[in-house]
Amino acid sequence: MKEKKKQLKKDGKSTVVEEDDPEMFRQAVYKQTMKLFAELEIKRKEREAKDMHERKRQREEEIEAHEKAKRDREWQKNFEETRDGRVDSWRTFQAKGKKKEKNRSFLKPPKVKMEQR
């Protein structure tokens, strides 16, 4: 009310404000309080939605981390179980490779001949 009166006085108009009437003042106060309560309710709902979204995101991250750890354990288990097969396969490969090296004489370089003039 003081600000309105000050602005009216500054503009050079009458300083009579609607809120001078007790009924009008009560209505203005009621409107202002309802407006404040509505703003507080909107902010509360936004805050709750934000918190809910954050909790959901954290839960999804926890589930993803748990699944990743489970996949890693399963992979490690399979890796350990198949170790003997891989080692045996490598040993047989090496054993066969040594025998084949001795028999690889089909690519001999040509003999060097003396040049005749």
N, C-alpha and C. Protein backbone atom coordinates (compact mmCIF):
# COMPACT_ATOMS: atom_id res chain seq x y z
N MET A 1 0.84 -1.18 0.00
CA MET A 1 0.00 0.00 0.00
C MET A 1 0.88 1.24 0.00
N LYS A 2 1.93 1.22 0.79
CA LYS A 2 2.82 2.39 0.85
C LYS A 2 3.44 2.65 -0.52
N GLU A 3 3.86 1.55 -1.19
CA GLU A 3 4.47 1.72 -2.51
C GLU A 3 3.48 2.30 -3.50
N LYS A 4 2.24 1.83 -3.45
CA LYS A 4 1.21 2.35 -4.36
C LYS A 4 0.95 3.82 -4.10
N LYS A 5 0.85 4.18 -2.82
CA LYS A 5 0.62 5.59 -2.47
C LYS A 5 1.79 6.46 -2.91
N LYS A 6 3.00 5.94 -2.70
CA LYS A 6 4.20 6.68 -3.09
C LYS A 6 4.23 6.90 -4.60
N GLN A 7 3.88 5.84 -5.36
CA GLN A 7 3.87 5.95 -6.83
C GLN A 7 2.79 6.93 -7.29
N LEU A 8 1.62 6.87 -6.68
CA LEU A 8 0.55 7.80 -7.05
C LEU A 8 0.94 9.24 -6.74
N LYS A 9 1.57 9.47 -5.57
CA LYS A 9 2.02 10.81 -5.20
C LYS A 9 3.07 11.31 -6.18
N LYS A 10 3.96 10.39 -6.57
CA LYS A 10 5.02 10.75 -7.53
C LYS A 10 4.41 11.14 -8.87
N ASP A 11 3.37 10.40 -9.29
CA ASP A 11 2.71 10.70 -10.56
C ASP A 11 1.80 11.93 -10.46
N GLY A 12 1.54 12.41 -9.26
CA GLY A 12 0.73 13.60 -9.07
C GLY A 12 -0.76 13.29 -9.04
N LYS A 13 -1.14 12.09 -8.72
CA LYS A 13 -2.55 11.71 -8.67
C LYS A 13 -3.00 11.65 -7.22
N SER A 14 -4.26 11.32 -7.03
CA SER A 14 -4.82 11.20 -5.70
C SER A 14 -4.20 9.99 -5.00
N THR A 15 -3.93 10.15 -3.71
CA THR A 15 -3.28 9.07 -2.96
C THR A 15 -4.29 8.12 -2.32
N VAL A 16 -5.53 8.16 -2.77
CA VAL A 16 -6.52 7.23 -2.25
C VAL A 16 -6.35 5.89 -2.98
N VAL A 17 -6.12 4.82 -2.21
CA VAL A 17 -5.88 3.49 -2.75
C VAL A 17 -7.07 2.62 -2.40
N GLU A 18 -7.37 1.64 -3.25
CA GLU A 18 -8.49 0.74 -3.02
C GLU A 18 -8.37 0.01 -1.68
N GLU A 19 -7.14 -0.30 -1.27
CA GLU A 19 -6.93 -1.07 -0.06
C GLU A 19 -7.19 -0.29 1.22
N ASP A 20 -7.49 1.01 1.12
CA ASP A 20 -7.84 1.80 2.30
C ASP A 20 -9.14 1.29 2.91
N ASP A 21 -10.04 0.79 2.08
CA ASP A 21 -11.30 0.22 2.56
C ASP A 21 -10.97 -1.13 3.22
N PRO A 22 -11.45 -1.38 4.45
CA PRO A 22 -11.10 -2.64 5.14
C PRO A 22 -11.49 -3.89 4.36
N GLU A 23 -12.63 -3.87 3.69
CA GLU A 23 -13.07 -5.04 2.92
C GLU A 23 -12.14 -5.28 1.73
N MET A 24 -11.76 -4.24 1.05
CA MET A 24 -10.86 -4.34 -0.10
C MET A 24 -9.46 -4.79 0.36
N PHE A 25 -9.06 -4.28 1.53
CA PHE A 25 -7.76 -4.68 2.08
C PHE A 25 -7.75 -6.18 2.39
N ARG A 26 -8.82 -6.66 2.99
CA ARG A 26 -8.92 -8.07 3.32
C ARG A 26 -8.87 -8.92 2.05
N GLN A 27 -9.56 -8.48 1.00
CA GLN A 27 -9.54 -9.21 -0.27
C GLN A 27 -8.14 -9.21 -0.89
N ALA A 28 -7.47 -8.09 -0.82
CA ALA A 28 -6.11 -8.00 -1.37
C ALA A 28 -5.16 -8.93 -0.62
N VAL A 29 -5.29 -8.94 0.72
CA VAL A 29 -4.45 -9.83 1.52
C VAL A 29 -4.76 -11.28 1.17
N TYR A 30 -6.05 -11.60 1.03
CA TYR A 30 -6.46 -12.96 0.70
C TYR A 30 -5.88 -13.39 -0.66
N LYS A 31 -5.98 -12.51 -1.65
CA LYS A 31 -5.43 -12.81 -2.98
C LYS A 31 -3.92 -13.04 -2.91
N GLN A 32 -3.24 -12.17 -2.17
CA GLN A 32 -1.79 -12.27 -2.06
C GLN A 32 -1.38 -13.58 -1.38
N THR A 33 -2.07 -13.93 -0.29
CA THR A 33 -1.72 -15.17 0.41
C THR A 33 -2.01 -16.39 -0.46
N MET A 34 -3.13 -16.38 -1.19
CA MET A 34 -3.45 -17.50 -2.08
C MET A 34 -2.39 -17.62 -3.17
N LYS A 35 -1.95 -16.48 -3.67
CA LYS A 35 -0.91 -16.49 -4.70
C LYS A 35 0.39 -17.09 -4.15
N LEU A 36 0.77 -16.70 -2.94
CA LEU A 36 1.99 -17.23 -2.32
C LEU A 36 1.87 -18.73 -2.06
N PHE A 37 0.70 -19.15 -1.53
CA PHE A 37 0.52 -20.58 -1.30
C PHE A 37 0.57 -21.39 -2.59
N ALA A 38 0.00 -20.85 -3.66
CA ALA A 38 0.03 -21.55 -4.95
C ALA A 38 1.47 -21.66 -5.46
N GLU A 39 2.24 -20.59 -5.33
CA GLU A 39 3.64 -20.64 -5.76
C GLU A 39 4.44 -21.65 -4.94
N LEU A 40 4.19 -21.69 -3.63
CA LEU A 40 4.88 -22.66 -2.78
C LEU A 40 4.50 -24.10 -3.16
N GLU A 41 3.24 -24.32 -3.47
CA GLU A 41 2.79 -25.65 -3.87
C GLU A 41 3.43 -26.08 -5.18
N ILE A 42 3.51 -25.16 -6.13
CA ILE A 42 4.14 -25.46 -7.43
C ILE A 42 5.61 -25.80 -7.23
N LYS A 43 6.30 -25.01 -6.40
CA LYS A 43 7.72 -25.28 -6.13
C LYS A 43 7.90 -26.63 -5.44
N ARG A 44 7.00 -26.97 -4.51
CA ARG A 44 7.09 -28.24 -3.80
C ARG A 44 6.91 -29.41 -4.77
N LYS A 45 5.92 -29.30 -5.66
CA LYS A 45 5.69 -30.36 -6.64
C LYS A 45 6.89 -30.52 -7.58
N GLU A 46 7.46 -29.41 -8.02
CA GLU A 46 8.64 -29.47 -8.89
C GLU A 46 9.81 -30.14 -8.16
N ARG A 47 9.99 -29.78 -6.88
CA ARG A 47 11.07 -30.36 -6.09
C ARG A 47 10.86 -31.87 -5.92
N GLU A 48 9.61 -32.28 -5.66
CA GLU A 48 9.32 -33.71 -5.51
C GLU A 48 9.57 -34.46 -6.82
N ALA A 49 9.16 -33.86 -7.94
CA ALA A 49 9.38 -34.51 -9.24
C ALA A 49 10.88 -34.64 -9.52
N LYS A 50 11.62 -33.62 -9.20
CA LYS A 50 13.07 -33.64 -9.40
C LYS A 50 13.72 -34.72 -8.53
N ASP A 51 13.32 -34.80 -7.27
CA ASP A 51 13.86 -35.82 -6.37
C ASP A 51 13.50 -37.23 -6.86
N MET A 52 12.27 -37.41 -7.31
CA MET A 52 11.84 -38.71 -7.79
C MET A 52 12.66 -39.12 -9.02
N HIS A 53 12.88 -38.17 -9.92
CA HIS A 53 13.67 -38.44 -11.11
C HIS A 53 15.10 -38.81 -10.73
N GLU A 54 15.67 -38.11 -9.76
CA GLU A 54 17.04 -38.39 -9.32
C GLU A 54 17.13 -39.78 -8.69
N ARG A 55 16.15 -40.14 -7.86
CA ARG A 55 16.15 -41.47 -7.25
C ARG A 55 16.03 -42.56 -8.31
N LYS A 56 15.20 -42.31 -9.32
CA LYS A 56 15.02 -43.28 -10.40
C LYS A 56 16.33 -43.47 -11.16
N ARG A 57 17.00 -42.37 -11.46
CA ARG A 57 18.28 -42.42 -12.18
C ARG A 57 19.32 -43.18 -11.37
N GLN A 58 19.40 -42.93 -10.07
CA GLN A 58 20.36 -43.63 -9.22
C GLN A 58 20.05 -45.13 -9.16
N ARG A 59 18.78 -45.47 -9.08
CA ARG A 59 18.39 -46.88 -9.03
C ARG A 59 18.78 -47.58 -10.33
N GLU A 60 18.55 -46.91 -11.47
CA GLU A 60 18.94 -47.49 -12.76
C GLU A 60 20.45 -47.69 -12.84
N GLU A 61 21.22 -46.74 -12.31
CA GLU A 61 22.67 -46.88 -12.30
C GLU A 61 23.10 -48.07 -11.44
N GLU A 62 22.44 -48.24 -10.28
CA GLU A 62 22.76 -49.37 -9.41
C GLU A 62 22.46 -50.69 -10.11
N ILE A 63 21.32 -50.77 -10.79
CA ILE A 63 20.94 -51.99 -11.49
C ILE A 63 21.95 -52.28 -12.60
N GLU A 64 22.33 -51.25 -13.35
CA GLU A 64 23.29 -51.41 -14.44
C GLU A 64 24.64 -51.88 -13.90
N ALA A 65 25.09 -51.31 -12.78
CA ALA A 65 26.37 -51.72 -12.19
C ALA A 65 26.29 -53.17 -11.72
N HIS A 66 25.17 -53.54 -11.13
CA HIS A 66 25.00 -54.93 -10.66
C HIS A 66 25.03 -55.90 -11.85
N GLU A 67 24.34 -55.56 -12.93
CA GLU A 67 24.31 -56.42 -14.11
C GLU A 67 25.70 -56.52 -14.75
N LYS A 68 26.43 -55.42 -14.77
CA LYS A 68 27.78 -55.42 -15.34
C LYS A 68 28.69 -56.33 -14.52
N ALA A 69 28.60 -56.23 -13.20
CA ALA A 69 29.41 -57.09 -12.34
C ALA A 69 29.05 -58.55 -12.55
N LYS A 70 27.77 -58.82 -12.73
CA LYS A 70 27.32 -60.20 -12.96
C LYS A 70 27.87 -60.73 -14.28
N ARG A 71 27.81 -59.90 -15.33
CA ARG A 71 28.35 -60.30 -16.64
C ARG A 71 29.85 -60.55 -16.54
N ASP A 72 30.57 -59.69 -15.81
CA ASP A 72 32.01 -59.87 -15.66
C ASP A 72 32.34 -61.17 -14.94
N ARG A 73 31.59 -61.48 -13.88
CA ARG A 73 31.83 -62.73 -13.14
C ARG A 73 31.55 -63.93 -14.05
N GLU A 74 30.47 -63.86 -14.83
CA GLU A 74 30.13 -64.96 -15.73
C GLU A 74 31.21 -65.14 -16.79
N TRP A 75 31.70 -64.04 -17.35
CA TRP A 75 32.75 -64.11 -18.37
C TRP A 75 34.01 -64.72 -17.77
N GLN A 76 34.38 -64.28 -16.56
CA GLN A 76 35.58 -64.80 -15.91
C GLN A 76 35.43 -66.29 -15.65
N LYS A 77 34.25 -66.70 -15.22
CA LYS A 77 34.00 -68.12 -14.95
C LYS A 77 34.17 -68.93 -16.24
N ASN A 78 33.56 -68.48 -17.32
CA ASN A 78 33.68 -69.18 -18.61
C ASN A 78 35.13 -69.20 -19.10
N PHE A 79 35.81 -68.10 -18.89
CA PHE A 79 37.21 -68.00 -19.30
C PHE A 79 38.05 -69.04 -18.57
N GLU A 80 37.84 -69.17 -17.26
CA GLU A 80 38.60 -70.14 -16.48
C GLU A 80 38.25 -71.58 -16.87
N GLU A 81 36.97 -71.83 -17.16
CA GLU A 81 36.55 -73.18 -17.50
C GLU A 81 37.11 -73.64 -18.84
N THR A 82 37.31 -72.74 -19.76
CA THR A 82 37.79 -73.11 -21.10
C THR A 82 39.31 -72.99 -21.23
N ARG A 83 39.99 -72.73 -20.14
CA ARG A 83 41.43 -72.54 -20.19
C ARG A 83 42.15 -73.79 -20.69
N ASP A 84 41.78 -74.94 -20.16
CA ASP A 84 42.46 -76.19 -20.56
C ASP A 84 42.32 -76.42 -22.06
N GLY A 85 41.15 -76.19 -22.60
CA GLY A 85 40.95 -76.37 -24.03
C GLY A 85 41.81 -75.43 -24.85
N ARG A 86 41.93 -74.21 -24.43
CA ARG A 86 42.75 -73.25 -25.15
C ARG A 86 44.23 -73.62 -25.08
N VAL A 87 44.66 -74.02 -23.90
CA VAL A 87 46.07 -74.38 -23.73
C VAL A 87 46.41 -75.61 -24.58
N ASP A 88 45.52 -76.62 -24.54
CA ASP A 88 45.76 -77.82 -25.35
C ASP A 88 45.78 -77.48 -26.83
N SER A 89 44.88 -76.63 -27.24
CA SER A 89 44.82 -76.22 -28.64
C SER A 89 46.12 -75.54 -29.05
N TRP A 90 46.62 -74.68 -28.20
CA TRP A 90 47.86 -73.96 -28.49
C TRP A 90 49.04 -74.94 -28.56
N ARG A 91 49.07 -75.87 -27.65
CA ARG A 91 50.19 -76.83 -27.64
C ARG A 91 50.17 -77.72 -28.88
N THR A 92 49.01 -78.16 -29.29
CA THR A 92 48.95 -78.97 -30.52
C THR A 92 49.33 -78.13 -31.72
N PHE A 93 48.95 -76.87 -31.73
CA PHE A 93 49.32 -75.99 -32.84
C PHE A 93 50.84 -75.84 -32.91
N GLN A 94 51.46 -75.63 -31.76
CA GLN A 94 52.92 -75.47 -31.75
C GLN A 94 53.61 -76.77 -32.17
N ALA A 95 53.09 -77.89 -31.75
CA ALA A 95 53.71 -79.17 -32.10
C ALA A 95 53.61 -79.40 -33.60
N LYS A 96 52.50 -79.11 -34.20
CA LYS A 96 52.33 -79.27 -35.65
C LYS A 96 53.16 -78.26 -36.41
N GLY A 97 53.28 -77.06 -35.89
CA GLY A 97 54.02 -76.01 -36.57
C GLY A 97 55.49 -76.33 -36.70
N LYS A 98 56.09 -76.98 -35.74
CA LYS A 98 57.51 -77.33 -35.80
C LYS A 98 57.78 -78.37 -36.87
N LYS A 99 56.91 -79.32 -37.03
CA LYS A 99 57.08 -80.34 -38.05
C LYS A 99 56.95 -79.76 -39.44
N LYS A 100 56.06 -78.84 -39.62
CA LYS A 100 55.84 -78.26 -40.94
C LYS A 100 57.00 -77.36 -41.35
N GLU A 101 57.67 -76.76 -40.41
CA GLU A 101 58.79 -75.88 -40.75
C GLU A 101 59.90 -76.66 -41.43
N LYS A 102 60.14 -77.86 -41.04
CA LYS A 102 61.21 -78.66 -41.64
C LYS A 102 60.86 -79.08 -43.06
N ASN A 103 59.61 -79.24 -43.34
CA ASN A 103 59.18 -79.70 -44.65
C ASN A 103 58.90 -78.54 -45.61
N ARG A 104 59.15 -77.35 -45.24
CA ARG A 104 58.86 -76.19 -46.10
C ARG A 104 60.07 -75.85 -46.96
N SER A 105 60.47 -76.71 -47.85
CA SER A 105 61.64 -76.43 -48.67
C SER A 105 61.26 -76.22 -50.13
N PHE A 106 60.00 -76.06 -50.43
CA PHE A 106 59.59 -75.92 -51.82
C PHE A 106 59.86 -74.53 -52.38
N LEU A 107 60.20 -73.57 -51.58
CA LEU A 107 60.50 -72.23 -52.07
C LEU A 107 62.00 -71.95 -51.92
N LYS A 108 62.79 -72.58 -52.73
CA LYS A 108 64.23 -72.35 -52.68
C LYS A 108 64.59 -71.25 -53.67
N PRO A 109 65.53 -70.42 -53.33
CA PRO A 109 65.96 -69.40 -54.27
C PRO A 109 66.76 -70.04 -55.40
N PRO A 110 66.80 -69.42 -56.57
CA PRO A 110 67.56 -70.00 -57.68
C PRO A 110 69.06 -70.00 -57.39
N LYS A 111 69.76 -70.94 -58.01
CA LYS A 111 71.21 -71.04 -57.81
C LYS A 111 71.89 -69.91 -58.57
N VAL A 112 72.93 -69.45 -58.02
CA VAL A 112 73.67 -68.37 -58.64
C VAL A 112 74.60 -68.98 -59.71
N LYS A 113 74.52 -68.47 -60.92
CA LYS A 113 75.36 -68.96 -62.00
C LYS A 113 76.37 -67.90 -62.37
N MET A 114 77.49 -68.35 -62.79
CA MET A 114 78.53 -67.41 -63.19
C MET A 114 78.14 -66.84 -64.55
N GLU A 115 78.45 -65.59 -64.69
CA GLU A 115 78.12 -64.91 -65.93
C GLU A 115 79.16 -65.24 -67.00
N GLN A 116 78.75 -65.61 -68.20
CA GLN A 116 79.69 -65.94 -69.27
C GLN A 116 79.69 -64.82 -70.28
N ARG A 117 80.98 -64.49 -70.81
CA ARG A 117 81.09 -63.42 -71.78
C ARG A 117 81.81 -63.88 -72.98
